[in-house]
Amino acid sequence: MNLYKKIIRPIFFQINPDVLHEGIIKFGNILGKTSITRKPLELIYNYENPVLETEVFGIKFKNPIGLAGGFDKNANLIQTLPSLGFGFNEIGSVTARPYRGNPRPWNVRLKQEQSLIINYGLKNQGVDIIKKRIKTQKRSIPLIINIAKTNDARIKGDASIEDYNKSFVKLQPLADVININISCPNTGDGQLLCESPFLLNKLLKKISQNKVKKPIVLKLKPDLSEKLLKEVIETVKKYPIVKGFIISNLTRNRNLLKKTDPKSVAQYNGGVSGKPMRELSNKMIKTIYKMTRGKYRIIGLGGVFEARDAYEKICLGASLVELATGLIYGGPGTIKSINKGLVVLLKKDGFTNISQAV
């Protein structure tokens, strides 16, 4: 019996999702503080197998499964997540200035869809506080730091480029990979750079003027038109600092909901996550991999709940895979279950290492 799904989740899901998430972050932070609390987690949840070891961006990963950005916004779980079996961790989005978040609710559960409507609007404590916190924590798995523009409508034009750059300069030394989030659906202009190759070019030109020592990936929206996607890729080709893409962010498209009347959730602002994102994300992974002939590394995200979901993304071209909503619905044993399942799927298809399936 899956204890989490049968007993713990029904109790958790009686709690307001915003309150629950904050509580889990606080409790998770406590569990990560000492080896006394981390070790039992590791014994229960960690799983390692050489078949899953891979190298991406010149960085070694013990397995390809990571926590997606948006869950650990303020870098509170860096010491906890390795014990749950994650191969890497992404924090943020981090912005140059703090932001208290959009009006609540930040999370709306759609249980039948195995989905959430998420509307934090890049809520975070700001680059200076988060930078200090990262420095105090010991890391044992690669860290992706997700940066975005501060959610403030007054910051626009060249000021928005400077806003991104400020976070990049401060956080690059602490990251293994920098993810530039150009596709947040929950801010007034969060998707502007993703939809404007001209502005994206200005941003990448500015970032490239720094001494860029870490690989950069761009987080894209899942429903870009093919024309716009081609323009984004052509822009990116001019900047060798960009090594890959995270595919994908949330979608505002409520028509993806199959078991929920979109009108019944029309009053909630935000992007859709979880199961409804699976096909949309997979389609974009396949498209970008073919468009770029595998030149760029892809981190797949959207609708990952079990091993076959992750494996599907890998076979379509993703070198690494992230999840967040799948963890909420599946519980802390999800990562171990996915990694064990991946080993079975790889052996079934005759692969001796995860990288061969990409």
Foldseek 3Di string as FASTA:
>chain_A
DQCCQPPVLVVLVVDQPVVSLVVCLVVLLVLLPDCVSLVVLLVPAADADCQQWDADQNDIFRHQEEADEPSAAQPSNQRRVVSLHGREYEYFQAWQAADQFDPDDQWDDPPVLLKIFGARQRHYHHQVNSLVVLVVDDHDHFYEYEYEYPQDPVQDDVSRLVGRLVSCVSCQVSHQEYEYEQCFPRGPRSVVCLQDLVVVLVNLVVNLVDPRDHAYEYAHALDDDPVSVVSNVVSCVVHPSHAAYEQHDFAPDPVLDDPDDCVVCVVDDGGMAAQSFQVSSLVVLLVVCVVVVLRHAYEGEGHDQAQVSQLSSLLSGHPHYYYDSSCSNSDSNRNVRNVVVVVVVCVVVPHSHSNVND
